[in-house]
């Protein structure tokens, strides 16, 4: 049986935590920064978790998930 290939797009977006949950970065922090408040940009820097209903799909894309 050949090895399962990693879906590279998913590998760049998701990481699996030690407890098995899927971590992702928040959207909206790439451009148009001057219009966004400093508080909002600080919040965007923190990681977020993938919703429980989408976790199974996200983990299916990662061979180590």
N, C-alpha and C. Protein backbone atom coordinates (compact mmCIF):
# COMPACT_ATOMS: atom_id res chain seq x y z
N UNK A 1 0.84 -1.19 0.00
CA UNK A 1 0.00 0.00 0.00
C UNK A 1 0.89 1.25 0.00
N UNK A 2 0.67 2.18 -0.93
CA UNK A 2 1.52 3.38 -0.93
C UNK A 2 1.16 4.32 0.21
N UNK A 3 2.11 5.21 0.49
CA UNK A 3 1.88 6.19 1.55
C UNK A 3 0.81 7.18 1.11
N UNK A 4 0.07 7.71 2.11
CA UNK A 4 -0.94 8.71 1.81
C UNK A 4 -0.27 10.08 1.69
N UNK A 5 -0.56 10.78 0.62
CA UNK A 5 0.05 12.10 0.42
C UNK A 5 -0.67 13.14 1.27
N UNK A 6 0.10 14.11 1.74
CA UNK A 6 -0.46 15.22 2.50
C UNK A 6 -1.10 16.19 1.53
N UNK A 7 -2.30 16.67 1.86
CA UNK A 7 -2.91 17.75 1.09
C UNK A 7 -2.21 19.03 1.52
N UNK A 8 -1.35 19.57 0.66
CA UNK A 8 -0.47 20.67 1.04
C UNK A 8 -1.23 21.93 1.42
N UNK A 9 -2.35 22.18 0.77
CA UNK A 9 -3.15 23.37 1.10
C UNK A 9 -3.66 23.28 2.52
N UNK A 10 -4.06 22.08 2.94
CA UNK A 10 -4.55 21.89 4.31
C UNK A 10 -3.41 21.94 5.32
N UNK A 11 -2.25 21.41 4.94
CA UNK A 11 -1.11 21.40 5.85
C UNK A 11 -0.65 22.82 6.18
N UNK A 12 -0.82 23.73 5.23
CA UNK A 12 -0.42 25.12 5.46
C UNK A 12 -1.42 25.85 6.34
N UNK A 13 -2.64 25.36 6.41
CA UNK A 13 -3.70 26.05 7.14
C UNK A 13 -4.00 25.47 8.51
N UNK A 14 -3.84 24.17 8.68
CA UNK A 14 -4.27 23.50 9.91
C UNK A 14 -3.10 22.82 10.61
N UNK A 15 -3.19 22.79 11.96
CA UNK A 15 -2.27 21.98 12.75
C UNK A 15 -3.09 21.26 13.80
N UNK A 16 -2.74 20.01 14.05
CA UNK A 16 -3.47 19.22 15.04
C UNK A 16 -2.78 19.40 16.39
N UNK A 17 -3.54 19.72 17.43
CA UNK A 17 -3.00 19.92 18.76
C UNK A 17 -2.75 18.58 19.44
N UNK A 18 -2.15 18.62 20.61
CA UNK A 18 -1.86 17.41 21.36
C UNK A 18 -3.11 16.66 21.77
N UNK A 19 -4.20 17.41 22.00
CA UNK A 19 -5.45 16.76 22.41
C UNK A 19 -6.27 16.28 21.21
N UNK A 20 -5.79 16.57 19.99
CA UNK A 20 -6.48 16.09 18.80
C UNK A 20 -7.39 17.10 18.14
N UNK A 21 -7.48 18.31 18.71
CA UNK A 21 -8.30 19.34 18.07
C UNK A 21 -7.50 19.99 16.96
N UNK A 22 -8.20 20.66 16.04
CA UNK A 22 -7.53 21.25 14.88
C UNK A 22 -7.46 22.76 15.07
N UNK A 23 -6.24 23.30 14.92
CA UNK A 23 -6.01 24.72 15.12
C UNK A 23 -5.87 25.40 13.77
N UNK A 24 -6.36 26.62 13.68
CA UNK A 24 -6.25 27.39 12.44
C UNK A 24 -5.98 28.84 12.79
N UNK A 25 -5.52 29.61 11.79
CA UNK A 25 -5.32 31.04 12.04
C UNK A 25 -6.58 31.78 11.61
N UNK A 26 -6.76 32.97 12.14
CA UNK A 26 -7.96 33.74 11.85
C UNK A 26 -7.83 34.47 10.51
N UNK A 27 -8.95 34.67 9.87
CA UNK A 27 -8.95 35.34 8.57
C UNK A 27 -9.02 36.84 8.73
N UNK A 28 -8.57 37.57 7.70
CA UNK A 28 -8.74 39.01 7.67
C UNK A 28 -7.56 39.80 8.15
N UNK A 29 -6.40 39.18 8.30
CA UNK A 29 -5.24 39.91 8.81
C UNK A 29 -4.14 40.11 7.80
N UNK A 30 -4.46 40.13 6.52
CA UNK A 30 -3.41 40.24 5.51
C UNK A 30 -3.27 41.61 4.87
N UNK A 31 -4.35 42.29 4.63
CA UNK A 31 -4.23 43.61 3.99
C UNK A 31 -5.34 44.53 4.48
N UNK A 32 -5.21 45.81 4.16
CA UNK A 32 -6.18 46.79 4.63
C UNK A 32 -6.07 47.03 6.12
N UNK A 33 -4.84 47.03 6.63
CA UNK A 33 -4.62 47.10 8.07
C UNK A 33 -4.96 48.47 8.66
N UNK A 34 -4.81 49.53 7.88
CA UNK A 34 -5.00 50.87 8.43
C UNK A 34 -6.44 51.12 8.84
N UNK A 35 -7.38 50.45 8.17
CA UNK A 35 -8.79 50.64 8.49
C UNK A 35 -9.22 49.84 9.72
N UNK A 36 -8.42 48.84 10.08
CA UNK A 36 -8.77 47.99 11.22
C UNK A 36 -8.14 48.54 12.49
N UNK A 37 -8.86 48.41 13.59
CA UNK A 37 -8.35 48.94 14.85
C UNK A 37 -7.20 48.07 15.36
N UNK A 38 -6.36 48.65 16.20
CA UNK A 38 -5.22 47.91 16.78
C UNK A 38 -5.73 46.72 17.59
N UNK A 39 -6.83 46.92 18.29
CA UNK A 39 -7.42 45.86 19.11
C UNK A 39 -7.85 44.68 18.23
N UNK A 40 -8.46 45.01 17.10
CA UNK A 40 -8.92 43.97 16.18
C UNK A 40 -7.74 43.21 15.59
N UNK A 41 -6.66 43.92 15.24
CA UNK A 41 -5.49 43.27 14.67
C UNK A 41 -4.79 42.38 15.69
N UNK A 42 -4.79 42.79 16.94
CA UNK A 42 -4.22 41.95 18.00
C UNK A 42 -4.99 40.65 18.13
N UNK A 43 -6.32 40.75 18.07
CA UNK A 43 -7.16 39.54 18.16
C UNK A 43 -6.94 38.62 16.97
N UNK A 44 -6.69 39.18 15.80
CA UNK A 44 -6.49 38.37 14.60
C UNK A 44 -5.18 37.59 14.64
N UNK A 45 -4.22 38.08 15.44
CA UNK A 45 -2.94 37.38 15.53
C UNK A 45 -3.05 36.06 16.28
N UNK A 46 -4.02 35.93 17.18
CA UNK A 46 -4.17 34.70 17.95
C UNK A 46 -4.78 33.58 17.10
N UNK A 47 -4.41 32.36 17.43
CA UNK A 47 -4.95 31.22 16.72
C UNK A 47 -6.37 30.93 17.19
N UNK A 48 -7.08 30.19 16.36
CA UNK A 48 -8.45 29.82 16.65
C UNK A 48 -8.59 28.32 16.42
N UNK A 49 -9.65 27.75 16.90
CA UNK A 49 -9.90 26.32 16.67
C UNK A 49 -10.93 26.15 15.56
N UNK A 50 -10.77 25.06 14.81
CA UNK A 50 -11.76 24.71 13.79
C UNK A 50 -13.02 24.26 14.52
N UNK A 51 -14.17 24.63 13.99
CA UNK A 51 -15.44 24.27 14.62
C UNK A 51 -15.59 22.76 14.71
N UNK A 52 -16.30 22.32 15.74
CA UNK A 52 -16.45 20.88 16.00
C UNK A 52 -17.06 20.14 14.82
N UNK A 53 -18.00 20.81 14.13
CA UNK A 53 -18.68 20.16 13.01
C UNK A 53 -17.76 19.99 11.80
N UNK A 54 -16.69 20.80 11.71
CA UNK A 54 -15.78 20.74 10.56
C UNK A 54 -14.47 20.02 10.86
N UNK A 55 -14.28 19.64 12.13
CA UNK A 55 -13.01 19.04 12.53
C UNK A 55 -12.70 17.74 11.81
N UNK A 56 -13.70 16.90 11.64
CA UNK A 56 -13.49 15.60 11.02
C UNK A 56 -13.02 15.77 9.57
N UNK A 57 -13.61 16.74 8.87
CA UNK A 57 -13.22 16.99 7.48
C UNK A 57 -11.80 17.52 7.39
N UNK A 58 -11.44 18.42 8.31
CA UNK A 58 -10.10 19.00 8.29
C UNK A 58 -9.05 17.94 8.60
N UNK A 59 -9.35 17.07 9.53
CA UNK A 59 -8.38 16.04 9.91
C UNK A 59 -8.21 14.98 8.82
N UNK A 60 -9.24 14.79 8.02
CA UNK A 60 -9.17 13.81 6.93
C UNK A 60 -8.15 14.23 5.87
N UNK A 61 -7.90 15.53 5.76
CA UNK A 61 -6.96 16.04 4.76
C UNK A 61 -5.51 15.87 5.20
N UNK A 62 -5.29 15.63 6.51
CA UNK A 62 -3.95 15.50 7.03
C UNK A 62 -3.68 14.05 7.39
N UNK A 63 -2.62 13.44 6.89
CA UNK A 63 -2.36 12.01 7.18
C UNK A 63 -2.03 11.76 8.64
N UNK A 64 -1.48 12.78 9.32
CA UNK A 64 -1.12 12.60 10.73
C UNK A 64 -2.24 13.04 11.66
N UNK A 65 -3.40 13.46 11.07
CA UNK A 65 -4.53 13.98 11.88
C UNK A 65 -5.26 12.93 12.56
